[in-house]
Amino acid sequence: MWEKQLTKFNSPEKPAAKWKRGDSVEITWHKNNHIGGFYRRSLVPVKHMMDRDWHQKAAFEWGCWSQGTFQCGQSDKCGGDNKNRAYKNQMTVPTVFPDGDYVFAQVWYGGLHWQGKKPKYSDYYACSFVRVEGGPLTSTYKSIFTPGAKKRNIPAGVCATGSVRTNECGGEACESGPVKETKPAEFQNGDGPTLRLSTFGGDEMKHGKVEPEKPTVETKQAVEEQKKDKRADEKSAREEENSTEQNQLGTRKGKEQKQDPSPTPTPTTTPKPRGQEKSKKGEKKNNKGNRKQNYPRYRRRSCGSIPPKPRGTWGKKYSALWWKQRNLFVARREYCRRCAC
């Protein structure tokens, strides 16, 4: 539906306006009996016109919706206002957008009703195709906030609104909280966002600021010769480093030989044969006669004891089971004593 509305009145081939970077243009919009909230303006490349994130990324001006009220008579500028009133102000075309076709979008959000006492309205977009040509081109552009003239009951520099950013309300009616008197979320902590020429695919060389130097055959040959000379210098530097390291090693070895003409041999210990190594415990046991001399040593382990016989009611119930476990335990203990003790 939005795309149909855009193409109904104009198209990229027949834009509604042609702007020059840095020019001041007058923007008018319908009041339609509404007050409060913010407006946000952006210039979006045509291929990204349906992308909501691009409208946020390409935004360059914020302001109070209710500013510049004037009597528009019975013309189309009045829209559906009961008192034939509309809004207008002056806008400066940013100098960061390259030549091309764009969608100029103005969104109204945070609108109020009941004479500005209640938040109600969600986001409303008004768009049109425009063409940007000529004028100074800069690499960056600082976005601005225009609150308009001071209202009777609202402090200067702020707006009465129901929300501080777009997309806060999913639909009508946005009765979330009291009316706020504040700035947009992008300007609450200081200056607003900065737009960059590179974001929109712009290049200062392409747009006449700096002409790129075209490489010729002579310059290519000179570059190749410089690369060859650089490689030769690096190779010679590496060879010099290797030669200096070898010289240093040679002088160091000569000094060590002069200082120690006859180095003393280090004493070496011959290992004893395996059969001659005996521990103290092994000697004691061999003297007692408990083990043979070459019998392998085993680690003694406890073979356990017989658990006590159950008594009382529990003993009557489990006496047969106890005897069975006792006989099995005795057999295991005898095997343990015979093999491992």
C-alpha atoms as a PDB file:
ATOM      1  CA  MET A   1       0.000   0.000   0.000  1.00  0.00           C
ATOM      2  CA  TRP A   2       2.824   2.360   0.869  1.00  0.00           C
ATOM      3  CA  GLU A   3       4.554   1.655  -2.457  1.00  0.00           C
ATOM      4  CA  LYS A   4       1.323   2.343  -4.371  1.00  0.00           C
ATOM      5  CA  GLN A   5       0.934   5.693  -2.625  1.00  0.00           C
ATOM      6  CA  LEU A   6       4.489   6.621  -3.528  1.00  0.00           C
ATOM      7  CA  THR A   7       4.108   5.837  -7.201  1.00  0.00           C
ATOM      8  CA  LYS A   8       0.650   7.385  -7.486  1.00  0.00           C
ATOM      9  CA  PHE A   9       1.800  11.011  -7.698  1.00  0.00           C
ATOM     10  CA  ASN A  10       5.442  10.779  -8.858  1.00  0.00           C
ATOM     11  CA  SER A  11       8.203   8.315  -9.720  1.00  0.00           C
ATOM     12  CA  PRO A  12      12.010   8.249  -9.842  1.00  0.00           C
ATOM     13  CA  GLU A  13      11.817   9.166 -13.536  1.00  0.00           C
ATOM     14  CA  LYS A  14       9.491  12.117 -12.742  1.00  0.00           C
ATOM     15  CA  PRO A  15      10.409  13.315  -9.231  1.00  0.00           C
ATOM     16  CA  ALA A  16       8.203  15.767  -7.397  1.00  0.00           C
ATOM     17  CA  ALA A  17      11.151  18.133  -6.739  1.00  0.00           C
ATOM     18  CA  LYS A  18      14.788  18.669  -7.687  1.00  0.00           C
ATOM     19  CA  TRP A  19      17.020  19.871  -4.868  1.00  0.00           C
ATOM     20  CA  LYS A  20      20.555  21.152  -4.702  1.00  0.00           C
ATOM     21  CA  ARG A  21      22.808  20.339  -1.787  1.00  0.00           C
ATOM     22  CA  GLY A  22      22.966  23.190   0.725  1.00  0.00           C
ATOM     23  CA  ASP A  23      19.781  24.923  -0.544  1.00  0.00           C
ATOM     24  CA  SER A  24      16.974  25.999   1.807  1.00  0.00           C
ATOM     25  CA  VAL A  25      13.560  24.672   0.813  1.00  0.00           C
ATOM     26  CA  GLU A  26      10.119  25.183   2.357  1.00  0.00           C
ATOM     27  CA  ILE A  27       8.346  22.076   3.677  1.00  0.00           C
ATOM     28  CA  THR A  28       4.612  22.145   4.449  1.00  0.00           C
ATOM     29  CA  TRP A  29       2.522  19.372   6.001  1.00  0.00           C
ATOM     30  CA  HIS A  30      -1.113  18.839   6.957  1.00  0.00           C
ATOM     31  CA  LYS A  31      -2.269  19.544  10.482  1.00  0.00           C
ATOM     32  CA  ASN A  32      -5.472  17.487  10.238  1.00  0.00           C
ATOM     33  CA  ASN A  33      -6.615  18.649  13.702  1.00  0.00           C
ATOM     34  CA  HIS A  34      -3.575  16.951  15.331  1.00  0.00           C
ATOM     35  CA  ILE A  35      -0.998  18.330  17.757  1.00  0.00           C
ATOM     36  CA  GLY A  36       2.064  17.103  19.642  1.00  0.00           C
ATOM     37  CA  GLY A  37       4.772  14.594  18.872  1.00  0.00           C
ATOM     38  CA  PHE A  38       7.921  14.746  16.737  1.00  0.00           C
ATOM     39  CA  TYR A  39       8.706  14.637  13.049  1.00  0.00           C
ATOM     40  CA  ARG A  40      11.774  12.974  11.536  1.00  0.00           C
ATOM     41  CA  ARG A  41      13.048  13.628   8.005  1.00  0.00           C
ATOM     42  CA  SER A  42      15.248  11.369   5.924  1.00  0.00           C
ATOM     43  CA  LEU A  43      16.508  10.940   2.369  1.00  0.00           C
ATOM     44  CA  VAL A  44      16.657   7.246   1.459  1.00  0.00           C
ATOM     45  CA  PRO A  45      18.017   5.770  -1.798  1.00  0.00           C
ATOM     46  CA  VAL A  46      15.184   4.434  -3.939  1.00  0.00           C
ATOM     47  CA  LYS A  47      16.365   0.813  -3.709  1.00  0.00           C
ATOM     48  CA  HIS A  48      16.091   0.958   0.117  1.00  0.00           C
ATOM     49  CA  MET A  49      12.841   2.939   0.339  1.00  0.00           C
ATOM     50  CA  MET A  50      10.886   0.040   1.928  1.00  0.00           C
ATOM     51  CA  ASP A  51      13.571  -0.660   4.572  1.00  0.00           C
ATOM     52  CA  ARG A  52      12.640   0.858   7.955  1.00  0.00           C
ATOM     53  CA  ASP A  53      16.240   0.664   9.197  1.00  0.00           C
ATOM     54  CA  TRP A  54      17.450   2.768   6.288  1.00  0.00           C
ATOM     55  CA  HIS A  55      14.960   5.515   7.150  1.00  0.00           C
ATOM     56  CA  GLN A  56      16.534   5.654  10.620  1.00  0.00           C
ATOM     57  CA  LYS A  57      20.075   5.498   9.221  1.00  0.00           C
ATOM     58  CA  ALA A  58      19.468   8.283   6.654  1.00  0.00           C
ATOM     59  CA  ALA A  59      17.598  10.635   9.029  1.00  0.00           C
ATOM     60  CA  PHE A  60      19.083  14.137   9.139  1.00  0.00           C
ATOM     61  CA  GLU A  61      16.506  16.353  10.939  1.00  0.00           C
ATOM     62  CA  TRP A  62      14.142  16.046  13.913  1.00  0.00           C
ATOM     63  CA  GLY A  63      11.689  18.624  15.228  1.00  0.00           C
ATOM     64  CA  CYS A  64       8.407  19.354  16.977  1.00  0.00           C
ATOM     65  CA  TRP A  65       5.389  18.439  14.874  1.00  0.00           C
ATOM     66  CA  SER A  66       3.340  21.458  15.924  1.00  0.00           C
ATOM     67  CA  GLN A  67       5.348  24.419  14.592  1.00  0.00           C
ATOM     68  CA  GLY A  68       4.964  27.044  11.916  1.00  0.00           C
ATOM     69  CA  THR A  69       1.146  27.126  11.991  1.00  0.00           C
ATOM     70  CA  PHE A  70      -0.393  29.192   9.166  1.00  0.00           C
ATOM     71  CA  GLN A  71      -3.804  29.713   7.569  1.00  0.00           C
ATOM     72  CA  CYS A  72      -3.894  27.815   4.298  1.00  0.00           C
ATOM     73  CA  GLY A  73      -7.387  28.797   3.106  1.00  0.00           C
ATOM     74  CA  GLN A  74      -9.251  26.208   1.016  1.00  0.00           C
ATOM     75  CA  SER A  75      -6.252  24.787  -0.875  1.00  0.00           C
ATOM     76  CA  ASP A  76      -4.903  21.249  -0.810  1.00  0.00           C
ATOM     77  CA  LYS A  77      -2.334  22.291   1.814  1.00  0.00           C
ATOM     78  CA  CYS A  78      -5.026  22.270   4.479  1.00  0.00           C
ATOM     79  CA  GLY A  79      -5.884  18.586   4.204  1.00  0.00           C
ATOM     80  CA  GLY A  80      -8.777  17.758   6.549  1.00  0.00           C
ATOM     81  CA  ASP A  81      -8.245  20.432   9.203  1.00  0.00           C
ATOM     82  CA  ASN A  82     -11.458  21.972  10.565  1.00  0.00           C
ATOM     83  CA  LYS A  83      -9.917  25.437  10.923  1.00  0.00           C
ATOM     84  CA  ASN A  84      -7.989  25.389   7.598  1.00  0.00           C
ATOM     85  CA  ARG A  85      -4.587  25.425   9.283  1.00  0.00           C
ATOM     86  CA  ALA A  86      -1.339  23.659   8.366  1.00  0.00           C
ATOM     87  CA  TYR A  87       2.338  23.567   9.404  1.00  0.00           C
ATOM     88  CA  LYS A  88       5.491  24.674   7.598  1.00  0.00           C
ATOM     89  CA  ASN A  89       9.184  25.462   8.146  1.00  0.00           C
ATOM     90  CA  GLN A  90      12.462  25.807   6.240  1.00  0.00           C
ATOM     91  CA  MET A  91      14.730  22.822   5.642  1.00  0.00           C
ATOM     92  CA  THR A  92      18.356  22.768   4.482  1.00  0.00           C
ATOM     93  CA  VAL A  93      19.218  19.989   2.035  1.00  0.00           C
ATOM     94  CA  PRO A  94      22.134  18.041   3.572  1.00  0.00           C
ATOM     95  CA  THR A  95      25.488  18.167   1.786  1.00  0.00           C
ATOM     96  CA  VAL A  96      26.317  14.509   2.396  1.00  0.00           C
ATOM     97  CA  PHE A  97      23.994  12.927  -0.204  1.00  0.00           C
ATOM     98  CA  PRO A  98      25.554  12.212  -3.637  1.00  0.00           C
ATOM     99  CA  ASP A  99      23.731  12.993  -6.861  1.00  0.00           C
ATOM    100  CA  GLY A 100      20.844  10.621  -7.467  1.00  0.00           C
ATOM    101  CA  ASP A 101      17.187   9.797  -6.870  1.00  0.00           C
ATOM    102  CA  TYR A 102      15.897   9.519  -3.296  1.00  0.00           C
ATOM    103  CA  VAL A 103      12.706   9.094  -1.310  1.00  0.00           C
ATOM    104  CA  PHE A 104      12.139  12.046   0.990  1.00  0.00           C
ATOM    105  CA  ALA A 105      10.248  10.762   4.039  1.00  0.00           C
ATOM    106  CA  GLN A 106       8.756  12.634   6.981  1.00  0.00           C
ATOM    107  CA  VAL A 107       7.380  10.488   9.806  1.00  0.00           C
ATOM    108  CA  TRP A 108       5.140  11.773  12.613  1.00  0.00           C
ATOM    109  CA  TYR A 109       5.258   9.853  15.898  1.00  0.00           C
ATOM    110  CA  GLY A 110       4.226  10.441  19.511  1.00  0.00           C
ATOM    111  CA  GLY A 111       1.056  12.321  18.502  1.00  0.00           C
ATOM    112  CA  LEU A 112      -1.486  13.475  21.130  1.00  0.00           C
ATOM    113  CA  HIS A 113      -5.260  13.951  21.285  1.00  0.00           C
ATOM    114  CA  TRP A 114      -7.826  15.412  23.726  1.00  0.00           C
ATOM    115  CA  GLN A 115      -6.180  18.824  23.265  1.00  0.00           C
ATOM    116  CA  GLY A 116      -2.711  17.394  23.955  1.00  0.00           C
ATOM    117  CA  LYS A 117      -3.617  15.664  27.209  1.00  0.00           C
ATOM    118  CA  LYS A 118      -3.267  12.010  26.109  1.00  0.00           C
ATOM    119  CA  PRO A 119      -0.904   9.988  23.879  1.00  0.00           C
ATOM    120  CA  LYS A 120      -2.726   8.164  21.106  1.00  0.00           C
ATOM    121  CA  TYR A 121      -1.233   8.029  17.603  1.00  0.00           C
ATOM    122  CA  SER A 122       1.434   5.692  16.218  1.00  0.00           C
ATOM    123  CA  ASP A 123       3.840   6.394  13.318  1.00  0.00           C
ATOM    124  CA  TYR A 124       2.549   8.067  10.135  1.00  0.00           C
ATOM    125  CA  TYR A 125       4.762   8.431   7.046  1.00  0.00           C
ATOM    126  CA  ALA A 126       4.517  10.954   4.197  1.00  0.00           C
ATOM    127  CA  CYS A 127       6.908  10.275   1.287  1.00  0.00           C
ATOM    128  CA  SER A 128       7.797  11.608  -2.144  1.00  0.00           C
ATOM    129  CA  PHE A 129      10.435  11.014  -4.822  1.00  0.00           C
ATOM    130  CA  VAL A 130      13.056  13.770  -5.171  1.00  0.00           C
ATOM    131  CA  ARG A 131      16.272  14.208  -7.124  1.00  0.00           C
ATOM    132  CA  VAL A 132      19.484  15.648  -5.615  1.00  0.00           C
ATOM    133  CA  GLU A 133      21.892  17.304  -8.067  1.00  0.00           C
ATOM    134  CA  GLY A 134      24.770  19.726  -7.653  1.00  0.00           C
ATOM    135  CA  GLY A 135      25.960  21.778  -4.726  1.00  0.00           C
ATOM    136  CA  PRO A 136      28.864  21.249  -2.335  1.00  0.00           C
ATOM    137  CA  LEU A 137      29.537  17.678  -1.238  1.00  0.00           C
ATOM    138  CA  THR A 138      31.010  16.945   2.180  1.00  0.00           C
ATOM    139  CA  SER A 139      32.139  13.694   3.796  1.00  0.00           C
ATOM    140  CA  THR A 140      30.073  14.198   7.008  1.00  0.00           C
ATOM    141  CA  TYR A 141      26.911  16.041   8.076  1.00  0.00           C
ATOM    142  CA  LYS A 142      25.655  16.671  11.624  1.00  0.00           C
ATOM    143  CA  SER A 143      21.943  16.032  12.112  1.00  0.00           C
ATOM    144  CA  ILE A 144      19.867  18.798  13.747  1.00  0.00           C
ATOM    145  CA  PHE A 145      16.866  19.210  16.037  1.00  0.00           C
ATOM    146  CA  THR A 146      14.457  22.137  15.430  1.00  0.00           C
ATOM    147  CA  PRO A 147      11.962  22.546  18.281  1.00  0.00           C
ATOM    148  CA  GLY A 148      10.295  25.592  16.731  1.00  0.00           C
ATOM    149  CA  ALA A 149       8.855  28.560  18.585  1.00  0.00           C
ATOM    150  CA  LYS A 150       8.151  28.350  22.328  1.00  0.00           C
ATOM    151  CA  LYS A 151       4.639  27.223  23.203  1.00  0.00           C
ATOM    152  CA  ARG A 152       2.500  28.673  25.970  1.00  0.00           C
ATOM    153  CA  ASN A 153       2.667  25.724  28.388  1.00  0.00           C
ATOM    154  CA  ILE A 154       5.787  23.927  27.071  1.00  0.00           C
ATOM    155  CA  PRO A 155       9.397  24.910  27.940  1.00  0.00           C
ATOM    156  CA  ALA A 156      11.668  26.099  25.157  1.00  0.00           C
ATOM    157  CA  GLY A 157      13.757  23.517  23.321  1.00  0.00           C
ATOM    158  CA  VAL A 158      11.449  20.524  23.965  1.00  0.00           C
ATOM    159  CA  CYS A 159       8.247  19.039  22.547  1.00  0.00           C
ATOM    160  CA  ALA A 160       5.093  17.548  24.068  1.00  0.00           C
ATOM    161  CA  THR A 161       4.954  13.926  22.948  1.00  0.00           C
ATOM    162  CA  GLY A 162       3.741  10.449  23.786  1.00  0.00           C
ATOM    163  CA  SER A 163       6.973   8.643  22.720  1.00  0.00           C
ATOM    164  CA  VAL A 164      10.598   9.613  22.143  1.00  0.00           C
ATOM    165  CA  ARG A 165      11.394   7.243  19.257  1.00  0.00           C
ATOM    166  CA  THR A 166       9.662   5.567  16.325  1.00  0.00           C
ATOM    167  CA  ASN A 167       8.157   2.071  16.465  1.00  0.00           C
ATOM    168  CA  GLU A 168       7.368   2.322  20.181  1.00  0.00           C
ATOM    169  CA  CYS A 169       3.681   1.719  19.555  1.00  0.00           C
ATOM    170  CA  GLY A 170       2.440  -1.215  17.502  1.00  0.00           C
ATOM    171  CA  GLY A 171      -0.885   0.407  16.608  1.00  0.00           C
ATOM    172  CA  GLU A 172      -3.695   2.657  17.753  1.00  0.00           C
ATOM    173  CA  ALA A 173      -4.317   3.702  20.458  1.00  0.00           C
ATOM    174  CA  CYS A 174      -0.930   4.320  22.070  1.00  0.00           C
ATOM    175  CA  GLU A 175      -2.106   5.328  25.528  1.00  0.00           C
ATOM    176  CA  SER A 176       1.116   4.355  27.283  1.00  0.00           C
ATOM    177  CA  GLY A 177       2.003   6.627  30.187  1.00  0.00           C
ATOM    178  CA  PRO A 178       1.665  10.373  30.644  1.00  0.00           C
ATOM    179  CA  VAL A 179       2.563  13.108  28.166  1.00  0.00           C
ATOM    180  CA  LYS A 180       6.322  13.831  28.092  1.00  0.00           C
ATOM    181  CA  GLU A 181       8.019  17.192  27.536  1.00  0.00           C
ATOM    182  CA  THR A 182      11.400  16.219  26.167  1.00  0.00           C
ATOM    183  CA  LYS A 183      13.667  15.873  23.116  1.00  0.00           C
ATOM    184  CA  PRO A 184      13.897  12.900  20.755  1.00  0.00           C
ATOM    185  CA  ALA A 185      15.881   9.926  22.033  1.00  0.00           C
ATOM    186  CA  GLU A 186      18.723  10.689  19.586  1.00  0.00           C
ATOM    187  CA  PHE A 187      19.320  14.136  21.176  1.00  0.00           C
ATOM    188  CA  GLN A 188      18.760  13.439  24.883  1.00  0.00           C
ATOM    189  CA  ASN A 189      22.469  12.770  25.568  1.00  0.00           C
ATOM    190  CA  GLY A 190      23.839  15.660  23.499  1.00  0.00           C
ATOM    191  CA  ASP A 191      24.327  16.029  19.762  1.00  0.00           C
ATOM    192  CA  GLY A 192      22.472  13.846  17.312  1.00  0.00           C
ATOM    193  CA  PRO A 193      23.910  11.241  14.911  1.00  0.00           C
ATOM    194  CA  THR A 194      26.412  12.097  12.192  1.00  0.00           C
ATOM    195  CA  LEU A 195      25.759  11.110   8.576  1.00  0.00           C
ATOM    196  CA  ARG A 196      28.697   9.985   6.409  1.00  0.00           C
ATOM    197  CA  LEU A 197      29.141  10.096   2.652  1.00  0.00           C
ATOM    198  CA  SER A 198      30.432   6.500   2.590  1.00  0.00           C
ATOM    199  CA  THR A 199      27.074   5.247   3.962  1.00  0.00           C
ATOM    200  CA  PHE A 200      25.334   6.237   0.724  1.00  0.00           C
ATOM    201  CA  GLY A 201      27.982   4.834  -1.595  1.00  0.00           C
ATOM    202  CA  GLY A 202      29.513   8.259  -2.215  1.00  0.00           C
ATOM    203  CA  ASP A 203      33.121   8.887  -3.182  1.00  0.00           C
ATOM    204  CA  GLU A 204      34.747  12.330  -3.124  1.00  0.00           C
ATOM    205  CA  MET A 205      36.925  11.439  -6.110  1.00  0.00           C
ATOM    206  CA  LYS A 206      33.859  10.336  -8.096  1.00  0.00           C
ATOM    207  CA  HIS A 207      31.986  13.566  -7.435  1.00  0.00           C
ATOM    208  CA  GLY A 208      34.695  15.964  -8.564  1.00  0.00           C
ATOM    209  CA  LYS A 209      36.509  16.863  -5.354  1.00  0.00           C
ATOM    210  CA  VAL A 210      39.769  15.045  -6.129  1.00  0.00           C
ATOM    211  CA  GLU A 211      40.549  13.629  -9.531  1.00  0.00           C
ATOM    212  CA  PRO A 212      42.291  10.238  -9.275  1.00  0.00           C
ATOM    213  CA  GLU A 213      45.667   9.955 -10.984  1.00  0.00           C
ATOM    214  CA  LYS A 214      45.498   7.532 -13.899  1.00  0.00           C
ATOM    215  CA  PRO A 215      48.486   5.136 -13.958  1.00  0.00           C
ATOM    216  CA  THR A 216      50.615   5.234 -17.106  1.00  0.00           C
ATOM    217  CA  VAL A 217      53.122   2.730 -18.534  1.00  0.00           C
ATOM    218  CA  GLU A 218      56.065   4.746 -17.205  1.00  0.00           C
ATOM    219  CA  THR A 219      54.675   4.875 -13.685  1.00  0.00           C
ATOM    220  CA  LYS A 220      54.060   1.098 -13.738  1.00  0.00           C
ATOM    221  CA  GLN A 221      57.675   0.434 -14.752  1.00  0.00           C
ATOM    222  CA  ALA A 222      58.922   2.781 -12.049  1.00  0.00           C
ATOM    223  CA  VAL A 223      56.829   0.995  -9.428  1.00  0.00           C
ATOM    224  CA  GLU A 224      58.192  -2.420 -10.500  1.00  0.00           C
ATOM    225  CA  GLU A 225      61.780  -1.129 -10.335  1.00  0.00           C
ATOM    226  CA  GLN A 226      61.158   0.241  -6.850  1.00  0.00           C
ATOM    227  CA  LYS A 227      59.810  -3.140  -5.727  1.00  0.00           C
ATOM    228  CA  LYS A 228      62.888  -4.932  -7.135  1.00  0.00           C
ATOM    229  CA  ASP A 229      65.266  -2.489  -5.404  1.00  0.00           C
ATOM    230  CA  LYS A 230      63.396  -2.952  -2.141  1.00  0.00           C
ATOM    231  CA  ARG A 231      63.639  -6.754  -2.362  1.00  0.00           C
ATOM    232  CA  ALA A 232      67.388  -6.544  -3.115  1.00  0.00           C
ATOM    233  CA  ASP A 233      67.960  -4.246  -0.121  1.00  0.00           C
ATOM    234  CA  GLU A 234      66.058  -6.617   2.164  1.00  0.00           C
ATOM    235  CA  LYS A 235      68.106  -9.598   0.934  1.00  0.00           C
ATOM    236  CA  SER A 236      71.421  -7.820   1.521  1.00  0.00           C
ATOM    237  CA  ALA A 237      70.298  -6.750   4.995  1.00  0.00           C
ATOM    238  CA  ARG A 238      69.454 -10.367   5.889  1.00  0.00           C
ATOM    239  CA  GLU A 239      72.851 -11.597   4.643  1.00  0.00           C
ATOM    240  CA  GLU A 240      74.638  -8.977   6.743  1.00  0.00           C
ATOM    241  CA  GLU A 241      72.694 -10.009   9.832  1.00  0.00           C
ATOM    242  CA  ASN A 242      73.570 -13.677   9.294  1.00  0.00           C
ATOM    243  CA  SER A 243      77.271 -12.900   8.827  1.00  0.00           C
ATOM    244  CA  THR A 244      77.406 -10.782  12.005  1.00  0.00           C
ATOM    245  CA  GLU A 245      75.709 -13.562  14.003  1.00  0.00           C
ATOM    246  CA  GLN A 246      78.235 -16.132  12.736  1.00  0.00           C
ATOM    247  CA  ASN A 247      81.164 -13.853  13.638  1.00  0.00           C
ATOM    248  CA  GLN A 248      79.804 -13.338  17.142  1.00  0.00           C
ATOM    249  CA  LEU A 249      79.425 -17.100  17.647  1.00  0.00           C
ATOM    250  CA  GLY A 250      82.980 -17.724  16.459  1.00  0.00           C
ATOM    251  CA  THR A 251      84.508 -15.159  18.828  1.00  0.00           C
ATOM    252  CA  ARG A 252      82.478 -16.550  21.748  1.00  0.00           C
ATOM    253  CA  LYS A 253      83.719 -20.118  21.131  1.00  0.00           C
ATOM    254  CA  GLY A 254      87.321 -18.900  20.915  1.00  0.00           C
ATOM    255  CA  LYS A 255      87.048 -17.150  24.271  1.00  0.00           C
ATOM    256  CA  GLU A 256      85.611 -20.271  25.934  1.00  0.00           C
ATOM    257  CA  GLN A 257      88.445 -22.450  24.595  1.00  0.00           C
ATOM    258  CA  LYS A 258      91.089 -19.989  25.884  1.00  0.00           C
ATOM    259  CA  GLN A 259      89.538 -19.840  29.335  1.00  0.00           C
ATOM    260  CA  ASP A 260      89.187 -23.692  29.704  1.00  0.00           C
ATOM    261  CA  PRO A 261      92.083 -25.308  27.798  1.00  0.00           C
ATOM    262  CA  SER A 262      91.720 -28.720  29.543  1.00  0.00           C
ATOM    263  CA  PRO A 263      88.182 -29.326  30.728  1.00  0.00           C
ATOM    264  CA  THR A 264      87.886 -31.893  33.551  1.00  0.00           C
ATOM    265  CA  PRO A 265      85.702 -34.895  32.722  1.00  0.00           C
ATOM    266  CA  THR A 266      82.501 -35.191  34.675  1.00  0.00           C
ATOM    267  CA  PRO A 267      82.365 -38.247  36.991  1.00  0.00           C
ATOM    268  CA  THR A 268      79.944 -40.953  35.886  1.00  0.00           C
ATOM    269  CA  THR A 269      78.272 -43.447  38.204  1.00  0.00           C
ATOM    270  CA  THR A 270      77.905 -47.034  37.025  1.00  0.00           C
ATOM    271  CA  PRO A 271      74.539 -48.572  37.909  1.00  0.00           C
ATOM    272  CA  LYS A 272      74.522 -51.629  40.092  1.00  0.00           C
ATOM    273  CA  PRO A 273      73.165 -54.926  38.772  1.00  0.00           C
ATOM    274  CA  ARG A 274      69.517 -55.528  39.396  1.00  0.00           C
ATOM    275  CA  GLY A 275      69.975 -58.557  41.618  1.00  0.00           C
ATOM    276  CA  GLN A 276      72.264 -56.723  44.067  1.00  0.00           C
ATOM    277  CA  GLU A 277      69.700 -53.964  44.885  1.00  0.00           C
ATOM    278  CA  LYS A 278      67.880 -54.909  48.100  1.00  0.00           C
ATOM    279  CA  SER A 279      65.661 -52.875  50.338  1.00  0.00           C
ATOM    280  CA  LYS A 280      65.846 -52.961  54.128  1.00  0.00           C
ATOM    281  CA  LYS A 281      62.431 -54.562  54.446  1.00  0.00           C
ATOM    282  CA  GLY A 282      63.380 -57.251  51.978  1.00  0.00           C
ATOM    283  CA  GLU A 283      66.584 -58.024  53.907  1.00  0.00           C
ATOM    284  CA  LYS A 284      64.684 -58.374  57.199  1.00  0.00           C
ATOM    285  CA  LYS A 285      62.113 -60.726  55.728  1.00  0.00           C
ATOM    286  CA  ASN A 286      64.759 -62.824  54.024  1.00  0.00           C
ATOM    287  CA  ASN A 287      66.631 -63.142  57.340  1.00  0.00           C
ATOM    288  CA  LYS A 288      63.454 -64.310  59.084  1.00  0.00           C
ATOM    289  CA  GLY A 289      62.914 -66.940  56.446  1.00  0.00           C
ATOM    290  CA  ASN A 290      59.358 -65.947  55.557  1.00  0.00           C
ATOM    291  CA  ARG A 291      60.232 -65.487  51.879  1.00  0.00           C
ATOM    292  CA  LYS A 292      62.680 -66.931  49.453  1.00  0.00           C
ATOM    293  CA  GLN A 293      65.486 -64.696  48.194  1.00  0.00           C
ATOM    294  CA  ASN A 294      64.208 -64.228  44.646  1.00  0.00           C
ATOM    295  CA  TYR A 295      60.504 -64.424  45.522  1.00  0.00           C
ATOM    296  CA  PRO A 296      58.528 -61.387  44.192  1.00  0.00           C
ATOM    297  CA  ARG A 297      57.300 -58.939  46.786  1.00  0.00           C
ATOM    298  CA  TYR A 298      53.589 -58.494  47.286  1.00  0.00           C
ATOM    299  CA  ARG A 299      51.831 -55.759  49.197  1.00  0.00           C
ATOM    300  CA  ARG A 300      50.084 -57.147  52.256  1.00  0.00           C
ATOM    301  CA  ARG A 301      46.415 -56.447  52.469  1.00  0.00           C
ATOM    302  CA  SER A 302      43.725 -57.075  55.080  1.00  0.00           C
ATOM    303  CA  CYS A 303      41.542 -60.086  54.429  1.00  0.00           C
ATOM    304  CA  GLY A 304      38.720 -58.688  56.607  1.00  0.00           C
ATOM    305  CA  SER A 305      36.709 -60.228  59.436  1.00  0.00           C
ATOM    306  CA  ILE A 306      33.395 -62.060  59.695  1.00  0.00           C
ATOM    307  CA  PRO A 307      30.444 -59.681  60.275  1.00  0.00           C
ATOM    308  CA  PRO A 308      28.603 -60.138  63.602  1.00  0.00           C
ATOM    309  CA  LYS A 309      25.618 -62.464  63.751  1.00  0.00           C
ATOM    310  CA  PRO A 310      22.282 -60.612  63.796  1.00  0.00           C
ATOM    311  CA  ARG A 311      20.186 -60.786  66.938  1.00  0.00           C
ATOM    312  CA  GLY A 312      16.563 -60.358  67.956  1.00  0.00           C
ATOM    313  CA  THR A 313      13.735 -60.222  65.470  1.00  0.00           C
ATOM    314  CA  TRP A 314      16.052 -59.133  62.678  1.00  0.00           C
ATOM    315  CA  GLY A 315      18.344 -62.092  63.446  1.00  0.00           C
ATOM    316  CA  LYS A 316      15.507 -64.619  63.216  1.00  0.00           C
ATOM    317  CA  LYS A 317      14.440 -63.211  59.918  1.00  0.00           C
ATOM    318  CA  TYR A 318      17.859 -63.035  58.281  1.00  0.00           C
ATOM    319  CA  SER A 319      19.745 -65.873  60.035  1.00  0.00           C
ATOM    320  CA  ALA A 320      19.693 -68.143  56.958  1.00  0.00           C
ATOM    321  CA  LEU A 321      20.964 -65.309  54.774  1.00  0.00           C
ATOM    322  CA  TRP A 322      23.680 -64.541  57.313  1.00  0.00           C
ATOM    323  CA  TRP A 323      24.927 -68.133  57.349  1.00  0.00           C
ATOM    324  CA  LYS A 324      25.064 -68.179  53.587  1.00  0.00           C
ATOM    325  CA  GLN A 325      27.040 -64.918  53.474  1.00  0.00           C
ATOM    326  CA  ARG A 326      29.259 -66.118  56.355  1.00  0.00           C
ATOM    327  CA  ASN A 327      30.265 -69.323  54.554  1.00  0.00           C
ATOM    328  CA  LEU A 328      31.004 -67.372  51.375  1.00  0.00           C
ATOM    329  CA  PHE A 329      33.048 -64.833  53.324  1.00  0.00           C
ATOM    330  CA  VAL A 330      35.094 -67.567  55.065  1.00  0.00           C
ATOM    331  CA  ALA A 331      35.947 -69.170  51.735  1.00  0.00           C
ATOM    332  CA  ARG A 332      37.050 -65.810  50.294  1.00  0.00           C
ATOM    333  CA  ARG A 333      39.151 -65.064  53.395  1.00  0.00           C
ATOM    334  CA  GLU A 334      40.959 -68.378  53.194  1.00  0.00           C
ATOM    335  CA  TYR A 335      41.734 -67.769  49.531  1.00  0.00           C
ATOM    336  CA  CYS A 336      42.924 -64.253  50.399  1.00  0.00           C
ATOM    337  CA  ARG A 337      45.245 -65.488  53.116  1.00  0.00           C
ATOM    338  CA  ARG A 338      46.596 -68.281  50.993  1.00  0.00           C
ATOM    339  CA  CYS A 339      47.370 -66.174  47.907  1.00  0.00           C
ATOM    340  CA  ALA A 340      48.196 -62.683  49.095  1.00  0.00           C
ATOM    341  CA  CYS A 341      49.510 -62.941  52.651  1.00  0.00           C
END
